[in-house]
Amino acid sequence: MSHPHPELGPPPPLPEGGLRIVALGGLGEIGRNMAVFEYDGRLLVVDCGVLFPEPDQPGVDLILPDFEYIRDRLDDVEAVVLTHAHEDHIGAVPYLLRERRDIPLIGSKLTLALIEAKLTEHRIQPTKLEVVEGERHVFGPFDCEFLAVNHSIPDALAVAIRTPAGIVLHTGDFRMDQLPSDGRLTDLGGFARLGTEGVDLLMSDSTNAEVPGFVTSEREIGPVIDEVIRTSEQRVIVASFASHVHRIQQVIDAAFRHGRKVALVGRSMVRNMGVARDLGYLKVPPELIVDSRDIEEWPPEDVVLICTGSQGEPMAALSRMANRDHPIRIAEGDTVLLASSLVPGNETAVNKVINGLTRWGARVVHKGNAKVHVSGHAAAGELLYVLNLTRPSNFMPVHGEWRHLRAHAKLAALTGVPEDHIVIAEDGVVVDLVDGRARIVGAVHAGYVYVDGSSVGEITDTSLKDRRILGDEGFISVVVVVDSNTGKLTAGPEIHARGSGIDPAQFDEFIPQIERALQEKAADGVVDMQEIRRVVRRTVGRWVSDTYRRRPMIIPVVLEV
């Protein structure tokens, strides 16, 4: 197997007739999916998604792919192919289109409708081309064939990219549900046909590569949701991803059967379900939906609320309900159904929400105590099936953390893909498909770009480190006034502390140490303000570390007179 190495240098020029693939996100992580294909000087982008921040990234709203690799070549981009409308595949599109607004967006009807609704908020009118499974379209040197795949959102697509260098099959996110609620199966016949034609490189979803067997059918969730709504004596509040149309349909059907009205709560939920309903992907009986602002007028046993916040997001509706910071108040006897999987890293936030809801008397039904969710990603049995159908000459696992990529690579080796034809890459690693062989040839920068409020890319890793220190250890500011000619202390030190856990009275005993340190520097003729700041910082830092075993942020303020 080919493995990335930190010492990889910049890639050489792409050989004539070769195809270059660079993932700017989605490898070694769950989210931020974006792959750039290059042939004969032209570029094709597949997906452009976001990653959601971890607890150790305070204040960050979203994490984008780094567009630096293509920023000087945006005019070479033929199109952006969007496999489906989940945020980790489309969420960064508005930020890419800010840099070139007329890049064509290629996708299915629902995918384009949802991204267009998002772009409206950014005041961007996209150039778009709607495609359906079975169609082939040419974008510059890239001949793209689209195939239906089943996923946890309607209208998902895989794409086969044909160039003179060979055929690349990119599955996007998929599963092989044999009884999908919308009847739309993954096109295994199309995969097999491509296998017969000859797949030179398979890039396949790795999220569930460690899970044995096959995923459960979406239809098996319906009876569980129905039972929860049937047996609940008060309101039912269902939290789900705002894009999970199939799951919302099951909730609506169960509510209708049991005579309950439905209210949608949360901006993204209202927006996405409005789009899905208008396009016919969501079937809603007449007069079933009521405005969430009028929900208190209905008896609690006649109501189902569908809201966002299944991942414990602080500003989502469910978290605000748990914190008593929402117009809808959780009451004794309410039932809350978390109808989604738990994204890795969100366990603490979700448990906090569950505890908050339970505190107010709600019964919380979740994946841990009921079968209320099935994954939208193929398990190992399905991945083996696709590998055997397509029989790729080369294989590159995508969309997953390191353990998922390696597990998928092992599956490929079991099906007969030669180990030296299996490429495990990470973000920024450059893979060239030349003369039928995929190889790692170099690396480009592909770091995180942080969105914090209205700023994009202004927050650095150093800024986040400072925020973590402030959050964990607090800060101490020290103000001193010195003579600009002699460096001698003329006033202060004055010390202020917040969040450091240090008794302010202790500073009175320590101030003489700062004074002595400054006197020594002045005696040595030091008048440089930067050096005086360093002296103050070192002296305070050493004392706090020795006395309290803490490392707060220390901010020396030196004023000259």
Protein backbone atom coordinates (compact mmCIF):
# COMPACT_ATOMS: atom_id res chain seq x y z
CA MET A 1 0.00 0.00 0.00
CA SER A 2 1.07 3.58 -0.65
CA HIS A 3 1.05 5.74 2.48
CA PRO A 4 1.40 9.50 2.82
CA HIS A 5 4.52 10.82 4.49
CA PRO A 6 5.10 14.18 6.16
CA GLU A 7 8.22 14.67 4.09
CA LEU A 8 6.31 14.71 0.80
CA GLY A 9 7.32 17.69 -1.29
CA PRO A 10 5.42 19.64 -3.93
CA PRO A 11 4.19 17.43 -6.78
CA PRO A 12 5.99 17.41 -10.14
CA PRO A 13 4.19 18.61 -13.28
CA LEU A 14 1.36 16.28 -14.26
CA PRO A 15 2.55 13.95 -17.04
CA GLU A 16 0.79 14.28 -20.39
CA GLY A 17 -2.23 12.00 -20.48
CA GLY A 18 -2.33 11.67 -16.68
CA LEU A 19 -5.16 12.45 -14.25
CA ARG A 20 -4.38 14.18 -10.94
CA ILE A 21 -6.58 13.84 -7.83
CA VAL A 22 -6.17 16.06 -4.76
CA ALA A 23 -8.53 15.82 -1.79
CA LEU A 24 -8.78 19.16 0.01
CA GLY A 25 -10.95 17.59 2.72
CA GLY A 26 -12.72 14.40 3.74
CA LEU A 27 -9.68 12.15 4.19
CA GLY A 28 -8.80 11.39 7.79
CA GLU A 29 -11.93 13.23 8.99
CA ILE A 30 -15.72 13.04 8.84
CA GLY A 31 -16.74 16.09 6.83
CA ARG A 32 -15.25 18.85 4.64
CA ASN A 33 -15.47 16.56 1.60
CA MET A 34 -13.86 18.06 -1.49
CA ALA A 35 -11.85 16.44 -4.28
CA VAL A 36 -10.17 18.21 -7.21
CA PHE A 37 -9.53 16.34 -10.49
CA GLU A 38 -7.10 17.72 -13.07
CA TYR A 39 -6.65 16.66 -16.67
CA ASP A 40 -4.89 18.61 -19.44
CA GLY A 41 -4.85 21.81 -17.39
CA ARG A 42 -8.56 21.75 -16.57
CA LEU A 43 -10.15 21.10 -13.18
CA LEU A 44 -13.30 19.35 -11.97
CA VAL A 45 -14.39 19.60 -8.32
CA VAL A 46 -16.49 16.90 -6.65
CA ASP A 47 -18.31 18.19 -3.54
CA CYS A 48 -17.41 21.20 -1.41
CA GLY A 49 -18.44 20.65 2.20
CA VAL A 50 -17.83 21.89 5.71
CA LEU A 51 -16.57 20.31 8.91
CA PHE A 52 -18.20 21.17 12.22
CA PRO A 53 -15.91 22.31 15.03
CA GLU A 54 -14.73 20.24 17.98
CA PRO A 55 -14.93 21.46 21.59
CA ASP A 56 -11.23 22.42 21.42
CA GLN A 57 -12.01 24.95 18.66
CA PRO A 58 -13.94 27.55 20.71
CA GLY A 59 -15.84 30.24 18.88
CA VAL A 60 -15.50 28.56 15.48
CA ASP A 61 -18.77 28.18 13.53
CA LEU A 62 -17.59 26.15 10.54
CA ILE A 63 -14.38 24.74 9.07
CA LEU A 64 -13.86 25.03 5.32
CA PRO A 65 -11.46 23.36 2.88
CA ASP A 66 -8.47 25.52 2.02
CA PHE A 67 -9.01 26.79 -1.53
CA GLU A 68 -5.40 27.98 -1.85
CA TYR A 69 -4.49 25.05 -4.14
CA ILE A 70 -6.99 26.21 -6.78
CA ARG A 71 -7.28 29.92 -5.94
CA ASP A 72 -4.98 30.99 -8.78
CA ARG A 73 -6.70 28.55 -11.15
CA LEU A 74 -10.37 29.22 -10.54
CA ASP A 75 -10.84 30.03 -14.23
CA ASP A 76 -9.70 26.46 -15.00
CA VAL A 77 -12.58 24.94 -12.98
CA GLU A 78 -15.10 23.43 -15.40
CA ALA A 79 -17.74 22.64 -12.77
CA VAL A 80 -18.49 21.55 -9.21
CA VAL A 81 -20.30 18.20 -9.07
CA LEU A 82 -22.38 17.82 -5.90
CA THR A 83 -23.17 14.21 -5.01
CA HIS A 84 -25.90 15.09 -2.46
CA ALA A 85 -27.14 17.91 -0.24
CA HIS A 86 -25.63 17.17 3.16
CA GLU A 87 -23.68 20.03 4.75
CA ASP A 88 -20.43 18.06 4.74
CA HIS A 89 -20.71 17.96 0.94
CA ILE A 90 -22.29 21.33 -0.01
CA GLY A 91 -21.78 23.64 3.00
CA ALA A 92 -18.65 25.36 1.64
CA VAL A 93 -20.08 26.08 -1.82
CA PRO A 94 -21.11 29.68 -0.94
CA TYR A 95 -17.54 30.43 0.16
CA LEU A 96 -16.10 28.99 -3.08
CA LEU A 97 -18.57 30.95 -5.21
CA ARG A 98 -17.55 34.16 -3.44
CA GLU A 99 -14.22 33.71 -5.23
CA ARG A 100 -15.76 32.93 -8.63
CA ARG A 101 -19.52 33.27 -8.84
CA ASP A 102 -20.14 31.63 -12.22
CA ILE A 103 -18.65 28.20 -11.51
CA PRO A 104 -21.37 25.80 -12.74
CA LEU A 105 -22.97 23.65 -10.03
CA ILE A 106 -23.97 20.17 -11.17
CA GLY A 107 -26.39 18.05 -9.16
CA SER A 108 -29.80 16.45 -8.81
CA LYS A 109 -33.03 18.43 -8.45
CA LEU A 110 -33.19 18.32 -4.63
CA THR A 111 -29.47 18.93 -4.19
CA LEU A 112 -29.54 22.06 -6.35
CA ALA A 113 -32.75 23.31 -4.73
CA LEU A 114 -31.26 23.04 -1.23
CA ILE A 115 -27.97 24.67 -2.19
CA GLU A 116 -29.84 27.44 -4.03
CA ALA A 117 -31.86 28.16 -0.87
CA LYS A 118 -28.57 28.39 1.05
CA LEU A 119 -26.97 30.62 -1.59
CA THR A 120 -29.93 33.02 -1.44
CA GLU A 121 -28.88 33.85 2.13
CA HIS A 122 -25.42 34.72 0.74
CA ARG A 123 -26.99 36.79 -2.08
CA ILE A 124 -25.50 34.55 -4.76
CA GLN A 125 -27.42 33.45 -7.85
CA PRO A 126 -25.68 30.25 -9.06
CA THR A 127 -25.07 28.89 -12.52
CA LYS A 128 -26.43 25.35 -12.34
CA LEU A 129 -27.19 22.24 -14.37
CA GLU A 130 -29.71 19.70 -13.10
CA VAL A 131 -28.86 16.07 -13.85
CA VAL A 132 -30.59 12.76 -13.23
CA GLU A 133 -29.24 9.25 -12.89
CA GLY A 134 -28.41 7.58 -16.20
CA GLU A 135 -27.33 10.82 -17.87
CA ARG A 136 -23.88 11.66 -19.22
CA HIS A 137 -22.58 15.21 -19.51
CA VAL A 138 -19.23 16.53 -20.71
CA PHE A 139 -17.44 19.30 -18.82
CA GLY A 140 -14.24 20.14 -20.69
CA PRO A 141 -12.14 16.95 -20.78
CA PHE A 142 -14.33 15.28 -18.11
CA ASP A 143 -17.12 12.98 -19.35
CA CYS A 144 -19.35 12.44 -16.30
CA GLU A 145 -21.95 9.71 -15.94
CA PHE A 146 -24.35 9.92 -13.00
CA LEU A 147 -25.67 6.89 -11.14
CA ALA A 148 -28.36 6.65 -8.47
CA VAL A 149 -27.25 5.76 -4.95
CA ASN A 150 -29.36 5.33 -1.83
CA HIS A 151 -28.45 7.51 1.14
CA SER A 152 -30.13 9.24 4.08
CA ILE A 153 -31.25 12.06 1.80
CA PRO A 154 -33.13 11.72 -1.51
CA ASP A 155 -31.55 12.21 -4.91
CA ALA A 156 -27.97 11.21 -4.01
CA LEU A 157 -25.66 10.40 -6.93
CA ALA A 158 -22.41 8.64 -7.68
CA VAL A 159 -20.34 9.93 -10.58
CA ALA A 160 -18.15 8.05 -13.08
CA ILE A 161 -15.53 10.42 -14.51
CA ARG A 162 -14.11 9.41 -17.88
CA THR A 163 -10.92 10.93 -19.25
CA PRO A 164 -8.25 9.51 -21.60
CA ALA A 165 -6.36 8.56 -18.41
CA GLY A 166 -9.12 6.12 -17.44
CA ILE A 167 -12.42 5.81 -15.58
CA VAL A 168 -12.74 7.00 -11.98
CA LEU A 169 -15.88 5.96 -10.08
CA HIS A 170 -16.62 8.24 -7.12
CA THR A 171 -19.46 6.72 -5.09
CA GLY A 172 -20.25 9.74 -2.92
CA ASP A 173 -22.01 8.69 0.29
CA PHE A 174 -24.14 5.61 -0.24
CA ARG A 175 -25.70 2.49 1.21
CA MET A 176 -27.46 -0.54 -0.32
CA ASP A 177 -30.88 -0.41 1.33
CA GLN A 178 -32.89 -3.09 -0.48
CA LEU A 179 -36.22 -1.63 0.71
CA PRO A 180 -35.69 2.14 0.62
CA SER A 181 -38.66 4.23 1.67
CA ASP A 182 -38.63 6.11 -1.65
CA GLY A 183 -38.01 2.98 -3.76
CA ARG A 184 -34.78 4.40 -5.21
CA LEU A 185 -32.08 1.72 -5.15
CA THR A 186 -28.34 2.07 -5.47
CA ASP A 187 -27.58 1.34 -9.16
CA LEU A 188 -25.65 -1.89 -8.71
CA GLY A 189 -26.29 -2.76 -12.36
CA GLY A 190 -24.58 0.46 -13.38
CA PHE A 191 -21.66 -0.30 -11.06
CA ALA A 192 -21.34 -3.78 -12.62
CA ARG A 193 -21.47 -2.35 -16.15
CA LEU A 194 -18.67 0.07 -15.29
CA GLY A 195 -16.73 -2.84 -13.82
CA THR A 196 -17.03 -4.67 -17.12
CA GLU A 197 -15.91 -1.55 -19.00
CA GLY A 198 -12.96 -1.23 -16.60
CA VAL A 199 -12.79 1.00 -13.50
CA ASP A 200 -9.25 2.36 -13.29
CA LEU A 201 -9.76 3.97 -9.87
CA LEU A 202 -12.55 3.43 -7.35
CA MET A 203 -13.04 6.15 -4.72
CA SER A 204 -15.55 4.81 -2.23
CA ASP A 205 -17.29 5.95 0.99
CA SER A 206 -15.44 4.52 4.01
CA THR A 207 -17.50 5.83 6.96
CA ASN A 208 -18.84 2.39 8.01
CA ALA A 209 -15.93 0.25 6.81
CA GLU A 210 -15.43 -1.10 10.35
CA VAL A 211 -19.09 -2.17 10.71
CA PRO A 212 -19.66 -5.79 9.61
CA GLY A 213 -22.54 -6.93 7.46
CA PHE A 214 -25.22 -4.78 5.86
CA VAL A 215 -27.07 -1.74 7.22
CA THR A 216 -30.64 -2.10 8.41
CA SER A 217 -33.36 -0.93 6.02
CA GLU A 218 -34.88 2.50 6.64
CA ARG A 219 -38.31 0.86 6.68
CA GLU A 220 -37.55 -0.90 9.96
CA ILE A 221 -37.43 2.47 11.72
CA GLY A 222 -40.99 3.41 10.79
CA PRO A 223 -42.75 1.04 13.24
CA VAL A 224 -40.53 2.23 16.11
CA ILE A 225 -41.36 5.89 15.41
CA ASP A 226 -45.04 4.97 15.11
CA GLU A 227 -44.97 3.19 18.48
CA VAL A 228 -43.30 6.15 20.20
CA ILE A 229 -45.94 8.57 18.91
CA ARG A 230 -48.83 6.16 19.60
CA THR A 231 -47.87 5.55 23.23
CA SER A 232 -46.93 9.11 24.16
CA GLU A 233 -49.51 10.85 26.33
CA GLN A 234 -48.25 14.42 25.87
CA ARG A 235 -46.30 16.25 23.17
CA VAL A 236 -43.76 14.44 21.04
CA ILE A 237 -40.66 16.40 20.03
CA VAL A 238 -38.55 14.77 17.30
CA ALA A 239 -35.00 16.01 16.70
CA SER A 240 -33.43 15.14 13.37
CA PHE A 241 -31.01 16.42 10.78
CA ALA A 242 -32.70 19.17 8.78
CA SER A 243 -31.88 17.28 5.57
CA HIS A 244 -33.21 13.83 6.51
CA VAL A 245 -36.32 13.92 4.34
CA HIS A 246 -37.00 10.17 4.67
CA ARG A 247 -36.98 10.34 8.47
CA ILE A 248 -39.21 13.42 8.53
CA GLN A 249 -41.62 11.65 6.17
CA GLN A 250 -41.88 8.73 8.60
CA VAL A 251 -42.63 11.11 11.48
CA ILE A 252 -45.28 12.95 9.44
CA ASP A 253 -46.94 9.67 8.42
CA ALA A 254 -47.06 8.44 12.04
CA ALA A 255 -48.42 11.78 13.30
CA PHE A 256 -51.16 11.71 10.67
CA ARG A 257 -52.16 8.15 11.58
CA HIS A 258 -52.56 9.11 15.21
CA GLY A 259 -54.38 12.38 14.66
CA ARG A 260 -51.60 14.77 15.65
CA LYS A 261 -50.69 18.10 14.09
CA VAL A 262 -47.05 18.71 13.10
CA ALA A 263 -44.99 21.87 13.60
CA LEU A 264 -41.51 22.44 12.18
CA VAL A 265 -39.08 24.28 14.46
CA GLY A 266 -35.73 25.75 13.42
CA ARG A 267 -34.84 27.87 10.38
CA SER A 268 -32.96 25.16 8.48
CA MET A 269 -35.69 22.59 9.18
CA VAL A 270 -38.44 24.92 7.91
CA ARG A 271 -36.38 25.90 4.85
CA ASN A 272 -35.30 22.39 3.82
CA MET A 273 -38.66 20.73 4.37
CA GLY A 274 -40.35 23.57 2.47
CA VAL A 275 -38.08 22.90 -0.49
CA ALA A 276 -38.61 19.11 -0.25
CA ARG A 277 -42.38 19.58 -0.07
CA ASP A 278 -42.49 21.97 -3.02
CA LEU A 279 -40.51 19.50 -5.17
CA GLY A 280 -42.62 16.51 -4.17
CA TYR A 281 -39.99 14.67 -2.12
CA LEU A 282 -41.98 15.19 1.08
CA LYS A 283 -45.66 14.18 1.04
CA VAL A 284 -47.70 16.15 3.59
CA PRO A 285 -51.46 15.62 4.09
CA PRO A 286 -53.55 18.82 3.85
CA GLU A 287 -53.74 20.97 6.99
CA LEU A 288 -51.37 18.69 8.92
CA ILE A 289 -48.64 21.33 9.33
CA VAL A 290 -49.29 24.16 11.77
CA ASP A 291 -47.16 27.18 12.63
CA SER A 292 -44.87 26.54 15.60
CA ARG A 293 -45.90 29.93 17.01
CA ASP A 294 -49.47 28.64 17.39
CA ILE A 295 -48.50 25.31 18.92
CA GLU A 296 -49.57 26.25 22.45
CA GLU A 297 -53.16 26.53 21.25
CA TRP A 298 -53.31 22.78 20.63
CA PRO A 299 -53.72 20.13 23.34
CA PRO A 300 -50.29 18.53 24.02
CA GLU A 301 -51.58 15.06 23.11
CA ASP A 302 -52.41 16.34 19.60
CA VAL A 303 -48.99 17.73 18.72
CA VAL A 304 -45.70 16.54 17.19
CA LEU A 305 -42.81 19.00 16.91
CA ILE A 306 -39.96 18.34 14.49
CA CYS A 307 -36.83 20.35 15.26
CA THR A 308 -33.08 20.60 14.79
CA GLY A 309 -30.48 19.88 17.46
CA SER A 310 -30.00 16.11 17.44
CA GLN A 311 -26.21 16.61 17.81
CA GLY A 312 -26.42 18.86 20.86
CA GLU A 313 -25.59 22.03 18.91
CA PRO A 314 -25.72 24.89 21.46
CA MET A 315 -27.86 27.24 19.37
CA ALA A 316 -30.21 24.61 17.90
CA ALA A 317 -33.82 24.40 19.03
CA LEU A 318 -33.50 21.26 21.15
CA SER A 319 -30.53 22.53 23.17
CA ARG A 320 -32.35 25.78 23.84
CA MET A 321 -35.41 23.84 25.00
CA ALA A 322 -33.23 21.82 27.38
CA ASN A 323 -31.77 25.09 28.74
CA ARG A 324 -35.17 26.79 29.13
CA ASP A 325 -34.07 29.31 26.49
CA HIS A 326 -36.80 28.65 23.92
CA PRO A 327 -40.48 29.68 23.62
CA ILE A 328 -41.40 25.98 23.61
CA ARG A 329 -41.12 24.78 27.20
CA ILE A 330 -40.45 21.13 27.99
CA ALA A 331 -43.12 19.82 30.39
CA GLU A 332 -43.59 16.74 32.55
CA GLY A 333 -44.73 13.84 30.37
CA ASP A 334 -43.34 15.13 27.04
CA THR A 335 -41.49 12.64 24.86
CA VAL A 336 -38.33 13.64 22.99
CA LEU A 337 -37.15 11.38 20.16
CA LEU A 338 -33.55 11.78 18.90
CA ALA A 339 -34.00 10.26 15.45
CA SER A 340 -30.42 10.41 14.24
CA SER A 341 -27.01 8.87 14.67
CA LEU A 342 -24.44 10.35 17.01
CA VAL A 343 -21.65 12.08 15.10
CA PRO A 344 -18.28 11.19 16.71
CA GLY A 345 -17.14 13.95 19.05
CA ASN A 346 -20.66 15.10 19.94
CA GLU A 347 -21.26 12.60 22.75
CA THR A 348 -20.75 15.06 25.60
CA ALA A 349 -22.98 17.74 24.07
CA VAL A 350 -25.77 15.24 23.32
CA ASN A 351 -25.64 13.72 26.80
CA LYS A 352 -25.87 17.21 28.27
CA VAL A 353 -29.02 17.87 26.25
CA ILE A 354 -30.54 14.51 27.24
CA ASN A 355 -29.90 15.28 30.90
CA GLY A 356 -31.37 18.76 30.53
CA LEU A 357 -34.54 17.41 28.91
CA THR A 358 -34.89 14.66 31.50
CA ARG A 359 -34.54 17.21 34.28
CA TRP A 360 -37.77 18.89 33.14
CA GLY A 361 -39.64 15.58 33.12
CA ALA A 362 -39.31 14.49 29.48
CA ARG A 363 -38.91 10.88 28.37
CA VAL A 364 -35.98 10.79 25.95
CA VAL A 365 -35.88 8.06 23.29
CA HIS A 366 -32.56 7.75 21.47
CA LYS A 367 -30.34 5.30 19.63
CA GLY A 368 -29.01 3.98 22.92
CA ASN A 369 -32.39 2.73 24.14
CA ALA A 370 -34.44 2.18 20.96
CA LYS A 371 -33.93 1.42 17.26
CA VAL A 372 -34.68 4.91 16.03
CA HIS A 373 -31.90 5.36 13.47
CA VAL A 374 -30.09 3.49 10.73
CA SER A 375 -26.91 4.68 9.09
CA GLY A 376 -26.85 6.23 5.65
CA HIS A 377 -23.44 4.68 4.93
CA ALA A 378 -22.63 1.25 3.55
CA ALA A 379 -21.25 -1.31 6.00
CA ALA A 380 -18.36 -3.68 5.24
CA GLY A 381 -20.55 -6.28 3.51
CA GLU A 382 -21.90 -3.68 1.09
CA LEU A 383 -18.45 -2.22 0.46
CA LEU A 384 -17.15 -5.68 -0.44
CA TYR A 385 -20.11 -6.09 -2.78
CA VAL A 386 -19.22 -2.86 -4.63
CA LEU A 387 -15.53 -3.80 -4.81
CA ASN A 388 -16.44 -7.15 -6.35
CA LEU A 389 -18.90 -5.57 -8.80
CA THR A 390 -16.49 -2.90 -10.05
CA ARG A 391 -13.22 -4.87 -9.83
CA PRO A 392 -11.10 -1.69 -9.85
CA SER A 393 -7.49 -1.65 -11.01
CA ASN A 394 -6.70 0.89 -8.28
CA PHE A 395 -8.51 1.78 -5.08
CA MET A 396 -8.58 4.91 -2.92
CA PRO A 397 -10.78 4.95 0.20
CA VAL A 398 -12.42 8.33 0.87
CA HIS A 399 -14.82 9.97 3.35
CA GLY A 400 -13.65 8.74 6.73
CA GLU A 401 -11.24 8.95 9.59
CA TRP A 402 -7.93 7.08 9.46
CA ARG A 403 -9.35 3.90 10.99
CA HIS A 404 -12.14 3.86 8.40
CA LEU A 405 -9.75 4.40 5.48
CA ARG A 406 -7.43 1.61 6.63
CA ALA A 407 -10.33 -0.79 7.26
CA HIS A 408 -11.66 -0.11 3.76
CA ALA A 409 -8.19 -0.62 2.27
CA LYS A 410 -8.04 -4.07 3.92
CA LEU A 411 -11.41 -4.94 2.38
CA ALA A 412 -10.07 -3.97 -1.06
CA ALA A 413 -7.02 -6.18 -0.56
CA LEU A 414 -9.29 -9.11 0.37
CA THR A 415 -11.14 -8.76 -2.95
CA GLY A 416 -7.90 -9.00 -4.91
CA VAL A 417 -6.84 -5.40 -5.48
CA PRO A 418 -3.01 -5.54 -5.37
CA GLU A 419 -1.71 -3.84 -2.23
CA ASP A 420 0.61 -1.60 -4.24
CA HIS A 421 -2.49 -0.38 -6.16
CA ILE A 422 -4.27 0.71 -2.95
CA VAL A 423 -3.64 4.37 -2.14
CA ILE A 424 -4.38 5.66 1.34
CA ALA A 425 -4.10 9.42 1.11
CA GLU A 426 -4.84 12.30 3.43
CA ASP A 427 -5.96 15.85 2.78
CA GLY A 428 -3.53 17.60 0.44
CA VAL A 429 -1.78 14.43 -0.77
CA VAL A 430 -1.49 14.40 -4.56
CA VAL A 431 -2.40 11.18 -6.40
CA ASP A 432 -1.68 10.75 -10.11
CA LEU A 433 -3.35 8.14 -12.31
CA VAL A 434 -0.84 7.55 -15.10
CA ASP A 435 -0.66 4.54 -17.46
CA GLY A 436 -3.32 2.75 -15.42
CA ARG A 437 -1.51 3.11 -12.10
CA ALA A 438 -2.41 5.37 -9.17
CA ARG A 439 0.53 6.68 -7.14
CA ILE A 440 1.21 9.33 -4.51
CA VAL A 441 3.54 11.94 -6.05
CA GLY A 442 3.60 14.83 -3.58
CA ALA A 443 1.54 17.04 -1.32
CA VAL A 444 0.03 20.53 -1.26
CA HIS A 445 -1.18 22.64 1.65
CA ALA A 446 -4.72 21.70 2.71
CA GLY A 447 -5.20 23.14 6.17
CA TYR A 448 -8.29 24.26 8.05
CA VAL A 449 -9.98 27.56 7.21
CA TYR A 450 -12.08 28.73 10.16
CA VAL A 451 -15.34 30.66 9.89
CA ASP A 452 -15.97 32.75 12.99
CA GLY A 453 -19.02 34.97 12.64
CA SER A 454 -18.44 37.10 9.56
CA SER A 455 -14.71 36.42 9.38
CA VAL A 456 -13.36 33.71 7.09
CA GLY A 457 -9.77 32.54 7.46
CA GLU A 458 -8.79 35.25 9.96
CA ILE A 459 -8.75 32.85 12.91
CA THR A 460 -5.48 30.90 13.10
CA ASP A 461 -4.38 27.89 15.13
CA THR A 462 -2.48 30.33 17.35
CA SER A 463 -5.71 32.24 17.99
CA LEU A 464 -7.47 29.01 18.95
CA LYS A 465 -4.61 28.10 21.28
CA ASP A 466 -5.04 31.48 22.99
CA ARG A 467 -8.78 30.89 23.31
CA ARG A 468 -8.23 27.47 24.85
CA ILE A 469 -5.76 28.92 27.37
CA LEU A 470 -8.21 31.69 28.26
CA GLY A 471 -11.03 29.19 28.61
CA ASP A 472 -9.05 26.69 30.68
CA GLU A 473 -6.64 28.83 32.68
CA GLY A 474 -7.88 32.42 32.58
CA PHE A 475 -5.56 35.41 32.24
CA ILE A 476 -3.43 37.77 34.32
CA SER A 477 -2.65 41.30 33.15
CA VAL A 478 0.24 43.24 34.64
CA VAL A 479 0.49 47.01 34.10
CA VAL A 480 3.80 48.77 34.74
CA VAL A 481 4.99 52.29 33.94
CA VAL A 482 8.70 52.78 33.17
CA ASP A 483 10.98 55.68 32.33
CA SER A 484 11.68 55.54 28.60
CA ASN A 485 15.24 56.80 29.10
CA THR A 486 16.39 54.67 32.03
CA GLY A 487 14.02 51.72 32.01
CA LYS A 488 13.34 52.29 35.70
CA LEU A 489 9.94 51.48 37.18
CA THR A 490 7.98 54.68 37.93
CA ALA A 491 4.53 53.25 38.75
CA GLY A 492 2.93 49.83 39.32
CA PRO A 493 2.98 46.93 39.01
CA GLU A 494 -0.81 46.74 38.97
CA ILE A 495 -2.14 43.19 38.57
CA HIS A 496 -5.59 42.05 37.38
CA ALA A 497 -6.72 38.44 37.01
CA ARG A 498 -9.83 36.77 35.59
CA GLY A 499 -10.59 33.06 35.63
CA SER A 500 -7.13 32.13 36.90
CA GLY A 501 -8.29 30.75 40.25
CA ILE A 502 -5.70 32.87 42.10
CA ASP A 503 -6.60 34.87 45.19
CA PRO A 504 -5.88 38.58 44.36
CA ALA A 505 -4.52 39.05 47.87
CA GLN A 506 -1.59 36.80 46.94
CA PHE A 507 -0.38 39.33 44.38
CA ASP A 508 0.61 41.76 47.14
CA GLU A 509 3.26 39.30 48.30
CA PHE A 510 4.49 38.75 44.74
CA ILE A 511 4.74 42.36 43.51
CA PRO A 512 8.20 42.88 45.06
CA GLN A 513 9.56 40.05 42.84
CA ILE A 514 8.44 41.94 39.72
CA GLU A 515 9.98 45.14 41.05
CA ARG A 516 13.31 43.41 41.72
CA ALA A 517 13.36 41.83 38.25
CA LEU A 518 12.76 45.22 36.60
CA GLN A 519 15.37 46.94 38.80
CA GLU A 520 17.96 44.38 37.73
CA LYS A 521 17.20 44.97 34.04
CA ALA A 522 17.31 48.75 34.50
CA ALA A 523 20.69 48.40 36.24
CA ASP A 524 21.90 46.48 33.18
CA GLY A 525 20.83 49.38 30.97
CA VAL A 526 17.84 47.63 29.38
CA VAL A 527 15.35 50.20 28.00
CA ASP A 528 13.82 48.09 25.19
CA MET A 529 10.08 47.85 25.87
CA GLN A 530 9.79 44.41 24.23
CA GLU A 531 12.48 43.02 26.56
CA ILE A 532 10.80 44.58 29.60
CA ARG A 533 7.50 42.89 28.59
CA ARG A 534 9.35 39.56 28.36
CA VAL A 535 10.81 40.06 31.84
CA VAL A 536 7.37 40.73 33.31
CA ARG A 537 5.84 37.74 31.50
CA ARG A 538 8.60 35.33 32.56
CA THR A 539 8.62 36.50 36.18
CA VAL A 540 4.84 36.22 36.57
CA GLY A 541 4.66 32.94 34.67
CA ARG A 542 7.36 31.32 36.81
CA TRP A 543 5.66 32.39 40.05
CA VAL A 544 2.20 31.18 38.97
CA SER A 545 3.59 27.86 37.76
CA ASP A 546 5.65 27.23 40.90
CA THR A 547 2.93 28.35 43.32
CA TYR A 548 -0.28 27.14 41.66
CA ARG A 549 0.81 24.69 38.95
CA ARG A 550 -1.27 26.69 36.46
CA ARG A 551 -0.51 28.30 33.10
CA PRO A 552 -2.85 31.28 32.55
CA MET A 553 -2.38 33.70 29.70
CA ILE A 554 -0.12 36.52 30.93
CA ILE A 555 -0.57 39.94 29.32
CA PRO A 556 2.13 42.47 30.26
CA VAL A 557 1.22 46.11 29.56
CA VAL A 558 4.25 48.42 29.64
CA LEU A 559 3.63 52.17 29.48
CA GLU A 560 6.45 54.65 28.79
CA VAL A 561 6.87 58.07 30.38
